[in-house]
Amino acid sequence: MKIRLKCSGFDAQWALGQDGVDLKANPATLQALLRELAERTRGKGGFFNPQSDSFHEQYEIPVSSCALYALPRGSSTELNDGDEVQIGLPYILEGG
């Protein structure tokens, strides 16, 4: 399943070599994606802590333009092929 990424604070293309990530986790959840990104980028960006399995609260992580707090299952929300996940600080995502 291919998930598109938009990141601020680190360059996803540089870190991953592409604009998206082919997520093989089952189930394919937002938390699984964040865990995989943290492992692939060796923690660059600081958005996710794999030891505590949690993301840093200052980051906004909308999925297909839906804010994390509005997702039905939060970080346990299952992702679909083609979803776009943004990872960044709110002032950067809003263009401020």
Protein backbone atom coordinates (compact mmCIF):
# COMPACT_ATOMS: atom_id res chain seq x y z
CA MET A 1 0.00 0.00 0.00
CA LYS A 2 1.43 3.36 -1.03
CA ILE A 3 1.04 6.29 1.36
CA ARG A 4 1.95 9.80 0.15
CA LEU A 5 3.92 11.99 2.54
CA LYS A 6 4.31 15.71 3.05
CA CYS A 7 6.80 16.54 5.78
CA SER A 8 8.16 19.68 7.34
CA GLY A 9 11.11 19.67 9.69
CA PHE A 10 12.88 17.03 7.60
CA ASP A 11 12.96 16.11 3.94
CA ALA A 12 11.06 12.88 3.32
CA GLN A 13 12.58 12.50 -0.14
CA TRP A 14 16.08 12.71 1.29
CA ALA A 15 15.26 10.38 4.18
CA LEU A 16 13.24 7.83 2.21
CA GLY A 17 14.40 8.37 -1.37
CA GLN A 18 10.83 8.98 -2.53
CA ASP A 19 7.69 11.06 -1.91
CA GLY A 20 5.83 8.19 -0.32
CA VAL A 21 6.29 5.00 1.57
CA ASP A 22 5.18 1.50 0.70
CA LEU A 23 3.66 0.42 4.00
CA LYS A 24 3.63 -3.33 4.54
CA ALA A 25 2.34 -3.35 8.14
CA ASN A 26 -0.82 -5.30 8.85
CA PRO A 27 -2.97 -3.62 9.93
CA ALA A 28 -1.74 -0.52 8.10
CA THR A 29 -2.38 2.12 10.75
CA LEU A 30 -1.12 5.65 11.19
CA GLN A 31 0.88 4.47 14.20
CA ALA A 32 2.51 1.71 12.12
CA LEU A 33 3.44 4.29 9.48
CA LEU A 34 4.96 6.64 12.06
CA ARG A 35 6.90 3.76 13.62
CA GLU A 36 8.25 2.70 10.22
CA LEU A 37 9.19 6.28 9.28
CA ALA A 38 11.01 6.76 12.59
CA GLU A 39 12.98 3.57 11.96
CA ARG A 40 13.80 4.44 8.34
CA THR A 41 14.87 7.99 9.17
CA ARG A 42 16.67 6.97 12.37
CA GLY A 43 14.64 9.49 14.34
CA LYS A 44 15.35 12.51 12.11
CA GLY A 45 12.49 14.97 12.53
CA GLY A 46 11.76 13.84 16.10
CA PHE A 47 8.05 13.39 15.40
CA PHE A 48 7.79 9.86 16.82
CA ASN A 49 9.38 7.98 19.71
CA PRO A 50 9.51 4.25 18.90
CA GLN A 51 10.45 3.37 22.51
CA SER A 52 7.19 4.80 23.90
CA ASP A 53 5.27 4.17 20.64
CA SER A 54 3.96 7.75 20.67
CA PHE A 55 4.33 10.88 18.58
CA HIS A 56 5.52 14.27 19.79
CA GLU A 57 2.50 16.40 20.73
CA GLN A 58 3.76 19.58 19.06
CA TYR A 59 3.50 17.96 15.62
CA GLU A 60 0.35 18.05 13.52
CA ILE A 61 -0.25 14.78 11.67
CA PRO A 62 -3.34 15.10 9.45
CA VAL A 63 -4.38 12.17 7.27
CA SER A 64 -5.94 13.17 3.93
CA SER A 65 -6.61 16.65 5.40
CA CYS A 66 -8.33 15.25 8.53
CA ALA A 67 -6.71 16.34 11.79
CA LEU A 68 -5.45 13.58 14.06
CA TYR A 69 -7.91 14.48 16.86
CA ALA A 70 -10.81 14.11 14.37
CA LEU A 71 -9.79 10.66 13.14
CA PRO A 72 -12.22 8.02 14.42
CA ARG A 73 -9.51 5.87 16.01
CA GLY A 74 -6.73 8.43 16.44
CA SER A 75 -3.32 6.98 15.67
CA SER A 76 -4.92 3.51 15.41
CA THR A 77 -6.88 4.65 12.33
CA GLU A 78 -6.30 2.33 9.40
CA LEU A 79 -4.78 3.91 6.29
CA ASN A 80 -5.90 3.30 2.72
CA ASP A 81 -3.86 3.10 -0.46
CA GLY A 82 -3.21 6.65 -1.69
CA ASP A 83 -3.86 8.41 1.63
CA GLU A 84 -1.73 11.49 2.22
CA VAL A 85 -0.14 11.94 5.62
CA GLN A 86 1.38 15.28 6.60
CA ILE A 87 3.90 15.51 9.38
CA GLY A 88 4.99 18.90 10.66
CA LEU A 89 4.76 21.74 13.05
CA PRO A 90 1.42 23.61 12.80
CA TYR A 91 2.96 26.96 11.83
CA ILE A 92 4.93 25.34 9.01
CA LEU A 93 2.00 23.29 7.65
CA GLU A 94 -0.16 26.42 7.57
CA GLY A 95 2.51 28.34 5.71
CA GLY A 96 3.30 30.67 8.61
